[in-house]
C-alpha atoms as a PDB file:
ATOM      1  CA  UNK A   1     122.106  74.362 101.626  1.00  0.00           C
ATOM      2  CA  UNK A   2     123.868  75.602  98.501  1.00  0.00           C
ATOM      3  CA  UNK A   3     125.170  73.275  95.785  1.00  0.00           C
ATOM      4  CA  UNK A   4     127.267  74.287  92.786  1.00  0.00           C
ATOM      5  CA  UNK A   5     128.479  71.956  90.039  1.00  0.00           C
ATOM      6  CA  UNK A   6     130.186  72.294  86.687  1.00  0.00           C
ATOM      7  CA  UNK A   7     128.656  69.774  84.308  1.00  0.00           C
ATOM      8  CA  UNK A   8     130.126  68.822  80.970  1.00  0.00           C
ATOM      9  CA  UNK A   9     127.744  69.059  78.010  1.00  0.00           C
ATOM     10  CA  UNK A  10     129.572  67.911  74.889  1.00  0.00           C
ATOM     11  CA  UNK A  11     132.813  69.914  74.775  1.00  0.00           C
ATOM     12  CA  UNK A  12     131.496  72.722  76.977  1.00  0.00           C
ATOM     13  CA  UNK A  13     130.426  73.135  80.578  1.00  0.00           C
ATOM     14  CA  UNK A  14     127.369  74.553  82.271  1.00  0.00           C
ATOM     15  CA  UNK A  15     127.037  75.761  85.837  1.00  0.00           C
ATOM     16  CA  UNK A  16     124.375  74.052  87.917  1.00  0.00           C
ATOM     17  CA  UNK A  17     123.136  75.714  91.098  1.00  0.00           C
ATOM     18  CA  UNK A  18     120.712  74.473  93.721  1.00  0.00           C
ATOM     19  CA  UNK A  19     119.716  76.561  96.734  1.00  0.00           C
ATOM     20  CA  UNK A  20     117.449  75.223  99.451  1.00  0.00           C
ATOM     21  CA  UNK A  21     114.753  77.805 100.166  1.00  0.00           C
ATOM     22  CA  UNK A  22     111.857  77.477 102.612  1.00  0.00           C
ATOM     23  CA  UNK A  23     109.920  74.560 101.139  1.00  0.00           C
ATOM     24  CA  UNK A  24     111.530  73.885  97.747  1.00  0.00           C
ATOM     25  CA  UNK A  25     114.864  74.156  96.001  1.00  0.00           C
ATOM     26  CA  UNK A  26     115.792  76.892  93.546  1.00  0.00           C
ATOM     27  CA  UNK A  27     117.467  75.277  90.496  1.00  0.00           C
ATOM     28  CA  UNK A  28     119.424  77.075  87.761  1.00  0.00           C
ATOM     29  CA  UNK A  29     121.448  75.559  84.906  1.00  0.00           C
ATOM     30  CA  UNK A  30     123.498  78.273  83.181  1.00  0.00           C
ATOM     31  CA  UNK A  31     125.351  78.054  79.893  1.00  0.00           C
ATOM     32  CA  UNK A  32     127.207  80.692  77.881  1.00  0.00           C
ATOM     33  CA  UNK A  33     124.160  81.496  75.707  1.00  0.00           C
ATOM     34  CA  UNK A  34     121.325  81.151  78.194  1.00  0.00           C
ATOM     35  CA  UNK A  35     119.867  79.255  81.111  1.00  0.00           C
ATOM     36  CA  UNK A  36     117.326  76.740  82.329  1.00  0.00           C
ATOM     37  CA  UNK A  37     115.302  77.929  85.276  1.00  0.00           C
ATOM     38  CA  UNK A  38     112.952  76.291  87.725  1.00  0.00           C
ATOM     39  CA  UNK A  39     109.460  77.509  88.516  1.00  0.00           C
ATOM     40  CA  UNK A  40     110.781  80.084  91.003  1.00  0.00           C
ATOM     41  CA  UNK A  41     111.941  82.303  88.139  1.00  0.00           C
ATOM     42  CA  UNK A  42     109.637  84.292  85.918  1.00  0.00           C
ATOM     43  CA  UNK A  43     109.637  83.680  82.167  1.00  0.00           C
ATOM     44  CA  UNK A  44     108.038  87.106  81.596  1.00  0.00           C
ATOM     45  CA  UNK A  45     111.108  88.750  83.112  1.00  0.00           C
ATOM     46  CA  UNK A  46     113.367  86.655  80.872  1.00  0.00           C
ATOM     47  CA  UNK A  47     111.327  87.852  77.874  1.00  0.00           C
ATOM     48  CA  UNK A  48     111.639  91.469  79.006  1.00  0.00           C
ATOM     49  CA  UNK A  49     115.432  91.197  79.041  1.00  0.00           C
ATOM     50  CA  UNK A  50     115.596  89.176  75.774  1.00  0.00           C
ATOM     51  CA  UNK A  51     117.219  86.251  77.597  1.00  0.00           C
ATOM     52  CA  UNK A  52     117.557  82.780  76.140  1.00  0.00           C
ATOM     53  CA  UNK A  53     115.662  80.925  78.847  1.00  0.00           C
ATOM     54  CA  UNK A  54     113.921  77.598  79.233  1.00  0.00           C
ATOM     55  CA  UNK A  55     111.720  76.676  82.175  1.00  0.00           C
ATOM     56  CA  UNK A  56     111.294  73.338  83.956  1.00  0.00           C
ATOM     57  CA  UNK A  57     108.667  72.548  86.560  1.00  0.00           C
ATOM     58  CA  UNK A  58     108.288  69.876  89.216  1.00  0.00           C
ATOM     59  CA  UNK A  59     112.010  69.455  89.876  1.00  0.00           C
ATOM     60  CA  UNK A  60     113.748  69.672  93.230  1.00  0.00           C
ATOM     61  CA  UNK A  61     117.332  68.714  92.355  1.00  0.00           C
ATOM     62  CA  UNK A  62     119.931  69.349  89.698  1.00  0.00           C
ATOM     63  CA  UNK A  63     119.668  65.720  88.583  1.00  0.00           C
ATOM     64  CA  UNK A  64     115.887  65.959  88.188  1.00  0.00           C
ATOM     65  CA  UNK A  65     116.319  69.162  86.160  1.00  0.00           C
ATOM     66  CA  UNK A  66     118.793  67.413  83.856  1.00  0.00           C
ATOM     67  CA  UNK A  67     116.252  64.636  83.256  1.00  0.00           C
ATOM     68  CA  UNK A  68     113.294  66.985  82.698  1.00  0.00           C
ATOM     69  CA  UNK A  69     111.748  68.422  79.566  1.00  0.00           C
ATOM     70  CA  UNK A  70     111.313  72.060  78.617  1.00  0.00           C
ATOM     71  CA  UNK A  71     107.989  73.265  80.011  1.00  0.00           C
ATOM     72  CA  UNK A  72     108.125  76.668  78.315  1.00  0.00           C
ATOM     73  CA  UNK A  73     110.765  78.949  76.838  1.00  0.00           C
ATOM     74  CA  UNK A  74     111.462  82.498  75.735  1.00  0.00           C
ATOM     75  CA  UNK A  75     111.216  83.731  72.153  1.00  0.00           C
ATOM     76  CA  UNK A  76     115.005  84.042  72.044  1.00  0.00           C
ATOM     77  CA  UNK A  77     115.325  80.379  73.064  1.00  0.00           C
ATOM     78  CA  UNK A  78     112.902  79.367  70.314  1.00  0.00           C
ATOM     79  CA  UNK A  79     115.047  81.233  67.785  1.00  0.00           C
ATOM     80  CA  UNK A  80     117.987  78.995  68.760  1.00  0.00           C
ATOM     81  CA  UNK A  81     115.935  75.807  68.375  1.00  0.00           C
ATOM     82  CA  UNK A  82     114.672  75.201  71.907  1.00  0.00           C
ATOM     83  CA  UNK A  83     111.002  74.218  72.200  1.00  0.00           C
ATOM     84  CA  UNK A  84     108.484  72.964  74.802  1.00  0.00           C
ATOM     85  CA  UNK A  85     108.684  69.200  75.245  1.00  0.00           C
ATOM     86  CA  UNK A  86     112.364  69.040  74.268  1.00  0.00           C
ATOM     87  CA  UNK A  87     114.692  67.259  76.683  1.00  0.00           C
ATOM     88  CA  UNK A  88     116.727  69.594  78.859  1.00  0.00           C
ATOM     89  CA  UNK A  89     119.899  67.809  77.801  1.00  0.00           C
ATOM     90  CA  UNK A  90     119.178  68.742  74.174  1.00  0.00           C
ATOM     91  CA  UNK A  91     118.398  72.338  75.182  1.00  0.00           C
ATOM     92  CA  UNK A  92     121.638  72.498  77.167  1.00  0.00           C
ATOM     93  CA  UNK A  93     123.631  71.444  74.096  1.00  0.00           C
ATOM     94  CA  UNK A  94     122.278  74.601  72.433  1.00  0.00           C
ATOM     95  CA  UNK A  95     122.929  77.011  75.304  1.00  0.00           C
ATOM     96  CA  UNK A  96     126.145  75.501  76.729  1.00  0.00           C
END
């Protein structure tokens, strides 16, 4: 199953994507400046490409991702004010 939503964050929108894979769901929340990724994506690759990326773990739906906290993040994300332990909603306000 594939799910796509546009979610309002303040005055902007992010794209939220969920794709059902074999045993878990792939979750991605994408804003204009960066993205929040689930454990399926590799933070090292995000670093290599200088992406603004935050990672969440233990989520299996878009709603759970929105309620999660940043597990880890790229250097570029830290430069914008995103940090581990921060709520994803606060991080999304930065990257939306």
